[in-house]
Amino acid sequence: MILYYAVTTIYVIVCLLLLIVVLMQQGKGDMGSAFGGGGTSAAFGARSGATLLTKLTTIFAVLFMLGALVLAILGQRGPRSLVSGAAAPPLTTTQKPLPGVPGSPGPANPAQAPSTPAPTTPPPAPPK
């Protein structure tokens, strides 16, 4: 269990770092120049910042995918459902049958069962 929580904590940190690195990257300028944002301002220079942030994005993306895979595998071994191994409670004979419901528990004594009269006329035959 401790391993699961440790991996989850590291995974959340990797997610936050990936978010920060992606948001720090400069856009390509395709849509920005259409709306009047023609000027460029790079924090790390023209090319060196793009390669550093691109490498960090790749590293954090790989760690993100591996972390998701590890958490999925560890989650399979985690705690099970509370009712997965529980047996169904036994039916008692003191329950009263529901009228018109097949399979409902009957009375404890068959002599107490309500008697149904036998049909006196056969059902009509279907037309040909």
N, C-alpha and C. Protein backbone atom coordinates (compact mmCIF):
# COMPACT_ATOMS: atom_id res chain seq x y z
N MET A 1 0.81 -1.19 0.00
CA MET A 1 0.00 0.00 0.00
C MET A 1 0.86 1.26 0.00
N ILE A 2 1.96 1.21 0.70
CA ILE A 2 2.83 2.38 0.77
C ILE A 2 3.40 2.70 -0.61
N LEU A 3 3.71 1.64 -1.37
CA LEU A 3 4.24 1.85 -2.73
C LEU A 3 3.21 2.55 -3.61
N TYR A 4 1.95 2.19 -3.46
CA TYR A 4 0.89 2.81 -4.26
C TYR A 4 0.80 4.31 -3.97
N TYR A 5 0.84 4.67 -2.70
CA TYR A 5 0.75 6.09 -2.34
C TYR A 5 2.00 6.86 -2.75
N ALA A 6 3.16 6.22 -2.68
CA ALA A 6 4.39 6.88 -3.11
C ALA A 6 4.37 7.14 -4.62
N VAL A 7 3.93 6.14 -5.39
CA VAL A 7 3.85 6.32 -6.84
C VAL A 7 2.80 7.37 -7.19
N THR A 8 1.70 7.39 -6.46
CA THR A 8 0.66 8.40 -6.71
C THR A 8 1.18 9.81 -6.44
N THR A 9 1.94 9.98 -5.38
CA THR A 9 2.50 11.30 -5.06
C THR A 9 3.48 11.74 -6.14
N ILE A 10 4.35 10.85 -6.56
CA ILE A 10 5.31 11.18 -7.63
C ILE A 10 4.56 11.49 -8.93
N TYR A 11 3.50 10.75 -9.19
CA TYR A 11 2.71 10.96 -10.41
C TYR A 11 2.07 12.34 -10.42
N VAL A 12 1.55 12.77 -9.29
CA VAL A 12 0.93 14.11 -9.21
C VAL A 12 1.99 15.19 -9.43
N ILE A 13 3.17 15.00 -8.87
CA ILE A 13 4.25 15.98 -9.06
C ILE A 13 4.65 16.05 -10.53
N VAL A 14 4.77 14.88 -11.18
CA VAL A 14 5.11 14.84 -12.61
C VAL A 14 4.03 15.54 -13.43
N CYS A 15 2.78 15.33 -13.08
CA CYS A 15 1.68 15.99 -13.80
C CYS A 15 1.77 17.51 -13.69
N LEU A 16 2.04 17.99 -12.49
CA LEU A 16 2.16 19.44 -12.31
C LEU A 16 3.36 20.00 -13.07
N LEU A 17 4.49 19.29 -13.05
CA LEU A 17 5.66 19.76 -13.78
C LEU A 17 5.42 19.75 -15.29
N LEU A 18 4.74 18.74 -15.77
CA LEU A 18 4.40 18.69 -17.20
C LEU A 18 3.50 19.86 -17.58
N LEU A 19 2.56 20.17 -16.73
CA LEU A 19 1.67 21.30 -16.98
C LEU A 19 2.45 22.61 -17.03
N ILE A 20 3.36 22.79 -16.09
CA ILE A 20 4.16 24.03 -16.06
C ILE A 20 5.05 24.15 -17.29
N VAL A 21 5.70 23.04 -17.68
CA VAL A 21 6.61 23.08 -18.83
C VAL A 21 5.84 23.36 -20.11
N VAL A 22 4.67 22.77 -20.26
CA VAL A 22 3.88 23.01 -21.48
C VAL A 22 3.41 24.46 -21.52
N LEU A 23 2.99 25.00 -20.40
CA LEU A 23 2.52 26.39 -20.39
C LEU A 23 3.66 27.39 -20.58
N MET A 24 4.89 27.01 -20.25
CA MET A 24 6.02 27.92 -20.44
C MET A 24 6.46 28.00 -21.90
N GLN A 25 6.09 27.04 -22.70
CA GLN A 25 6.54 27.04 -24.09
C GLN A 25 5.90 28.18 -24.87
N GLN A 26 6.66 28.67 -25.81
CA GLN A 26 6.17 29.76 -26.64
C GLN A 26 5.38 29.18 -27.79
N GLY A 27 4.30 29.84 -28.15
CA GLY A 27 3.50 29.39 -29.28
C GLY A 27 4.21 29.59 -30.59
N LYS A 28 3.70 28.97 -31.63
CA LYS A 28 4.31 29.07 -32.97
C LYS A 28 4.07 30.44 -33.59
N GLY A 29 3.03 31.14 -33.21
CA GLY A 29 2.79 32.46 -33.76
C GLY A 29 1.84 32.44 -34.94
N ASP A 30 1.28 31.29 -35.30
CA ASP A 30 0.38 31.23 -36.45
C ASP A 30 -0.88 32.04 -36.20
N MET A 31 -1.58 31.74 -35.11
CA MET A 31 -2.82 32.46 -34.82
C MET A 31 -2.53 33.80 -34.14
N GLY A 32 -1.44 33.88 -33.40
CA GLY A 32 -1.12 35.13 -32.71
C GLY A 32 -0.83 36.26 -33.68
N SER A 33 -0.17 35.97 -34.79
CA SER A 33 0.13 37.03 -35.75
C SER A 33 -1.13 37.48 -36.48
N ALA A 34 -2.11 36.62 -36.59
CA ALA A 34 -3.36 37.01 -37.24
C ALA A 34 -4.14 38.01 -36.39
N PHE A 35 -3.96 37.97 -35.06
CA PHE A 35 -4.68 38.87 -34.17
C PHE A 35 -3.81 40.01 -33.68
N GLY A 36 -2.69 40.27 -34.32
CA GLY A 36 -1.87 41.42 -33.96
C GLY A 36 -0.74 41.10 -33.00
N GLY A 37 -0.46 39.86 -32.72
CA GLY A 37 0.62 39.50 -31.80
C GLY A 37 1.87 39.13 -32.57
N GLY A 38 2.37 40.03 -33.40
CA GLY A 38 3.51 39.71 -34.25
C GLY A 38 4.84 39.70 -33.54
N GLY A 39 4.99 40.39 -32.41
CA GLY A 39 6.27 40.45 -31.72
C GLY A 39 6.57 39.15 -30.98
N THR A 40 7.86 38.77 -30.95
CA THR A 40 8.26 37.56 -30.25
C THR A 40 9.15 37.94 -29.09
N SER A 41 8.96 37.27 -27.97
CA SER A 41 9.83 37.47 -26.81
C SER A 41 10.11 36.11 -26.20
N ALA A 42 11.32 35.64 -26.34
CA ALA A 42 11.70 34.33 -25.81
C ALA A 42 12.45 34.53 -24.51
N ALA A 43 12.12 33.72 -23.52
CA ALA A 43 12.77 33.85 -22.21
C ALA A 43 14.17 33.27 -22.21
N PHE A 44 14.42 32.22 -23.01
CA PHE A 44 15.71 31.54 -23.00
C PHE A 44 16.50 31.77 -24.28
N GLY A 45 16.12 32.68 -25.09
CA GLY A 45 16.81 32.91 -26.35
C GLY A 45 16.00 32.34 -27.51
N ALA A 46 16.55 32.47 -28.69
CA ALA A 46 15.80 32.07 -29.88
C ALA A 46 15.65 30.56 -30.01
N ARG A 47 16.74 29.79 -29.89
CA ARG A 47 16.66 28.35 -30.12
C ARG A 47 16.93 27.53 -28.87
N SER A 48 17.76 28.01 -27.96
CA SER A 48 18.15 27.19 -26.82
C SER A 48 16.96 26.93 -25.88
N GLY A 49 16.08 27.91 -25.72
CA GLY A 49 14.92 27.72 -24.86
C GLY A 49 13.95 26.71 -25.43
N ALA A 50 13.81 26.71 -26.73
CA ALA A 50 12.88 25.77 -27.36
C ALA A 50 13.38 24.34 -27.20
N THR A 51 14.68 24.13 -27.32
CA THR A 51 15.19 22.77 -27.19
C THR A 51 15.15 22.29 -25.75
N LEU A 52 15.43 23.17 -24.79
CA LEU A 52 15.38 22.79 -23.39
C LEU A 52 13.95 22.44 -22.97
N LEU A 53 13.01 23.30 -23.32
CA LEU A 53 11.63 23.03 -22.96
C LEU A 53 11.06 21.83 -23.72
N THR A 54 11.51 21.63 -24.94
CA THR A 54 11.05 20.47 -25.70
C THR A 54 11.56 19.18 -25.07
N LYS A 55 12.82 19.18 -24.63
CA LYS A 55 13.37 17.99 -23.98
C LYS A 55 12.67 17.72 -22.65
N LEU A 56 12.42 18.77 -21.87
CA LEU A 56 11.71 18.60 -20.61
C LEU A 56 10.29 18.09 -20.83
N THR A 57 9.63 18.60 -21.87
CA THR A 57 8.28 18.14 -22.18
C THR A 57 8.29 16.66 -22.54
N THR A 58 9.28 16.24 -23.32
CA THR A 58 9.36 14.82 -23.70
C THR A 58 9.62 13.95 -22.48
N ILE A 59 10.51 14.38 -21.61
CA ILE A 59 10.83 13.59 -20.41
C ILE A 59 9.61 13.47 -19.50
N PHE A 60 8.93 14.59 -19.24
CA PHE A 60 7.77 14.55 -18.36
C PHE A 60 6.61 13.81 -18.99
N ALA A 61 6.48 13.85 -20.31
CA ALA A 61 5.42 13.10 -20.98
C ALA A 61 5.66 11.60 -20.87
N VAL A 62 6.90 11.18 -21.02
CA VAL A 62 7.21 9.75 -20.87
C VAL A 62 6.98 9.32 -19.43
N LEU A 63 7.40 10.14 -18.46
CA LEU A 63 7.15 9.80 -17.05
C LEU A 63 5.66 9.77 -16.74
N PHE A 64 4.89 10.65 -17.37
CA PHE A 64 3.44 10.67 -17.19
C PHE A 64 2.82 9.36 -17.68
N MET A 65 3.22 8.91 -18.85
CA MET A 65 2.65 7.67 -19.41
C MET A 65 3.08 6.45 -18.60
N LEU A 66 4.35 6.39 -18.21
CA LEU A 66 4.81 5.26 -17.40
C LEU A 66 4.13 5.25 -16.03
N GLY A 67 3.95 6.42 -15.45
CA GLY A 67 3.26 6.50 -14.16
C GLY A 67 1.83 6.04 -14.25
N ALA A 68 1.15 6.39 -15.33
CA ALA A 68 -0.22 5.94 -15.50
C ALA A 68 -0.28 4.42 -15.64
N LEU A 69 0.68 3.84 -16.36
CA LEU A 69 0.72 2.39 -16.52
C LEU A 69 1.01 1.70 -15.19
N VAL A 70 1.95 2.22 -14.43
CA VAL A 70 2.29 1.61 -13.13
C VAL A 70 1.11 1.72 -12.16
N LEU A 71 0.44 2.86 -12.14
CA LEU A 71 -0.72 3.00 -11.26
C LEU A 71 -1.87 2.09 -11.67
N ALA A 72 -2.03 1.86 -12.96
CA ALA A 72 -3.08 0.94 -13.41
C ALA A 72 -2.77 -0.49 -12.97
N ILE A 73 -1.51 -0.88 -13.05
CA ILE A 73 -1.13 -2.23 -12.62
C ILE A 73 -1.24 -2.37 -11.11
N LEU A 74 -0.78 -1.38 -10.37
CA LEU A 74 -0.88 -1.44 -8.91
C LEU A 74 -2.33 -1.38 -8.44
N GLY A 75 -3.16 -0.68 -9.17
CA GLY A 75 -4.57 -0.58 -8.80
C GLY A 75 -5.31 -1.90 -8.93
N GLN A 76 -4.82 -2.79 -9.80
CA GLN A 76 -5.44 -4.10 -9.95
C GLN A 76 -5.21 -4.96 -8.71
N ARG A 77 -4.11 -4.75 -8.02
CA ARG A 77 -3.79 -5.52 -6.83
C ARG A 77 -4.30 -4.86 -5.55
N GLY A 78 -4.96 -3.75 -5.69
CA GLY A 78 -5.40 -2.98 -4.53
C GLY A 78 -6.55 -3.64 -3.80
N PRO A 79 -7.17 -2.91 -2.90
CA PRO A 79 -8.27 -3.47 -2.12
C PRO A 79 -9.44 -3.85 -3.00
N ARG A 80 -10.05 -4.95 -2.65
CA ARG A 80 -11.20 -5.45 -3.40
C ARG A 80 -12.48 -4.82 -2.86
N SER A 81 -13.57 -5.15 -3.51
CA SER A 81 -14.87 -4.66 -3.08
C SER A 81 -15.26 -5.33 -1.76
N LEU A 82 -16.02 -4.65 -0.95
CA LEU A 82 -16.43 -5.21 0.33
C LEU A 82 -17.41 -6.37 0.17
N VAL A 83 -18.14 -6.39 -0.91
CA VAL A 83 -19.15 -7.44 -1.10
C VAL A 83 -18.73 -8.48 -2.13
N SER A 84 -17.49 -8.46 -2.59
CA SER A 84 -17.10 -9.38 -3.65
C SER A 84 -17.05 -10.82 -3.16
N GLY A 85 -16.70 -11.08 -1.91
CA GLY A 85 -16.61 -12.46 -1.43
C GLY A 85 -17.72 -12.84 -0.48
N ALA A 86 -18.69 -11.99 -0.27
CA ALA A 86 -19.76 -12.28 0.68
C ALA A 86 -20.81 -13.18 0.04
N ALA A 87 -21.27 -14.15 0.82
CA ALA A 87 -22.32 -15.04 0.34
C ALA A 87 -23.68 -14.38 0.52
N ALA A 88 -24.63 -14.82 -0.29
CA ALA A 88 -25.98 -14.27 -0.18
C ALA A 88 -26.63 -14.77 1.10
N PRO A 89 -27.42 -13.94 1.75
CA PRO A 89 -28.08 -14.40 2.98
C PRO A 89 -29.11 -15.49 2.66
N PRO A 90 -29.24 -16.48 3.52
CA PRO A 90 -30.20 -17.56 3.24
C PRO A 90 -31.63 -17.06 3.39
N LEU A 91 -32.52 -17.63 2.60
CA LEU A 91 -33.94 -17.28 2.69
C LEU A 91 -34.55 -18.03 3.86
N THR A 92 -35.37 -17.34 4.61
CA THR A 92 -36.05 -18.00 5.73
C THR A 92 -37.41 -18.46 5.28
N THR A 93 -37.93 -19.45 5.98
CA THR A 93 -39.24 -19.99 5.59
C THR A 93 -40.38 -19.19 6.21
N THR A 94 -40.07 -18.17 6.99
CA THR A 94 -41.14 -17.37 7.59
C THR A 94 -41.58 -16.25 6.67
N GLN A 95 -40.92 -16.11 5.54
CA GLN A 95 -41.31 -15.06 4.61
C GLN A 95 -42.60 -15.47 3.91
N LYS A 96 -43.47 -14.51 3.71
CA LYS A 96 -44.74 -14.78 3.04
C LYS A 96 -44.56 -14.65 1.54
N PRO A 97 -45.23 -15.50 0.77
CA PRO A 97 -45.09 -15.41 -0.69
C PRO A 97 -45.77 -14.17 -1.23
N LEU A 98 -45.20 -13.64 -2.28
CA LEU A 98 -45.82 -12.50 -2.94
C LEU A 98 -46.82 -13.03 -3.96
N PRO A 99 -48.01 -12.50 -3.97
CA PRO A 99 -49.01 -13.01 -4.92
C PRO A 99 -48.64 -12.67 -6.36
N GLY A 100 -48.68 -13.68 -7.19
CA GLY A 100 -48.43 -13.48 -8.60
C GLY A 100 -46.96 -13.38 -8.98
N VAL A 101 -46.03 -13.59 -8.04
CA VAL A 101 -44.61 -13.50 -8.34
C VAL A 101 -44.04 -14.92 -8.31
N PRO A 102 -43.65 -15.45 -9.45
CA PRO A 102 -43.06 -16.79 -9.44
C PRO A 102 -41.69 -16.77 -8.78
N GLY A 103 -41.39 -17.82 -8.05
CA GLY A 103 -40.10 -17.92 -7.40
C GLY A 103 -40.03 -17.27 -6.04
N SER A 104 -41.14 -16.70 -5.56
CA SER A 104 -41.11 -16.12 -4.22
C SER A 104 -41.22 -17.26 -3.21
N PRO A 105 -40.61 -17.11 -2.04
CA PRO A 105 -40.62 -18.21 -1.06
C PRO A 105 -42.03 -18.50 -0.59
N GLY A 106 -42.33 -19.75 -0.48
CA GLY A 106 -43.66 -20.17 -0.07
C GLY A 106 -43.78 -20.29 1.43
N PRO A 107 -44.95 -20.68 1.93
CA PRO A 107 -45.14 -20.84 3.37
C PRO A 107 -44.36 -22.05 3.88
N ALA A 108 -44.11 -22.06 5.19
CA ALA A 108 -43.34 -23.14 5.78
C ALA A 108 -44.11 -24.46 5.75
N ASN A 109 -45.40 -24.42 5.91
CA ASN A 109 -46.23 -25.63 5.93
C ASN A 109 -47.03 -25.67 4.65
N PRO A 110 -46.87 -26.73 3.82
CA PRO A 110 -47.63 -26.78 2.57
C PRO A 110 -49.13 -26.85 2.78
N ALA A 111 -49.57 -27.31 3.96
CA ALA A 111 -51.01 -27.37 4.22
C ALA A 111 -51.60 -25.98 4.33
N GLN A 112 -50.78 -24.98 4.66
CA GLN A 112 -51.27 -23.61 4.76
C GLN A 112 -51.30 -22.91 3.41
N ALA A 113 -50.82 -23.58 2.38
CA ALA A 113 -50.77 -22.95 1.06
C ALA A 113 -52.18 -22.71 0.56
N PRO A 114 -52.43 -21.57 -0.03
CA PRO A 114 -53.79 -21.32 -0.54
C PRO A 114 -54.08 -22.27 -1.70
N SER A 115 -55.27 -22.84 -1.66
CA SER A 115 -55.65 -23.77 -2.72
C SER A 115 -56.24 -22.99 -3.89
N THR A 116 -55.85 -23.36 -5.06
CA THR A 116 -56.39 -22.72 -6.26
C THR A 116 -57.30 -23.72 -6.94
N PRO A 117 -58.49 -23.30 -7.30
CA PRO A 117 -59.41 -24.24 -7.96
C PRO A 117 -58.90 -24.58 -9.36
N ALA A 118 -59.14 -25.82 -9.75
CA ALA A 118 -58.75 -26.27 -11.08
C ALA A 118 -59.67 -25.63 -12.11
N PRO A 119 -59.15 -25.30 -13.26
CA PRO A 119 -60.02 -24.70 -14.28
C PRO A 119 -61.06 -25.73 -14.75
N THR A 120 -62.28 -25.26 -14.91
CA THR A 120 -63.37 -26.16 -15.29
C THR A 120 -63.50 -26.25 -16.80
N THR A 121 -63.15 -25.23 -17.51
CA THR A 121 -63.28 -25.28 -18.97
C THR A 121 -61.89 -25.14 -19.59
N PRO A 122 -61.63 -25.88 -20.64
CA PRO A 122 -60.33 -25.74 -21.28
C PRO A 122 -60.24 -24.41 -22.02
N PRO A 123 -59.06 -23.90 -22.20
CA PRO A 123 -58.93 -22.62 -22.93
C PRO A 123 -59.35 -22.82 -24.38
N PRO A 124 -59.84 -21.77 -25.01
CA PRO A 124 -60.30 -21.89 -26.42
C PRO A 124 -59.10 -22.17 -27.35
N ALA A 125 -59.37 -22.93 -28.39
CA ALA A 125 -58.34 -23.25 -29.36
C ALA A 125 -58.09 -22.05 -30.25
N PRO A 126 -56.85 -21.85 -30.66
CA PRO A 126 -56.57 -20.71 -31.55
C PRO A 126 -57.19 -20.92 -32.92
N PRO A 127 -57.65 -19.85 -33.58
CA PRO A 127 -58.29 -19.98 -34.89
C PRO A 127 -57.26 -20.38 -35.95
N LYS A 128 -57.73 -21.10 -36.94
CA LYS A 128 -56.85 -21.57 -38.02
C LYS A 128 -56.90 -20.67 -39.22
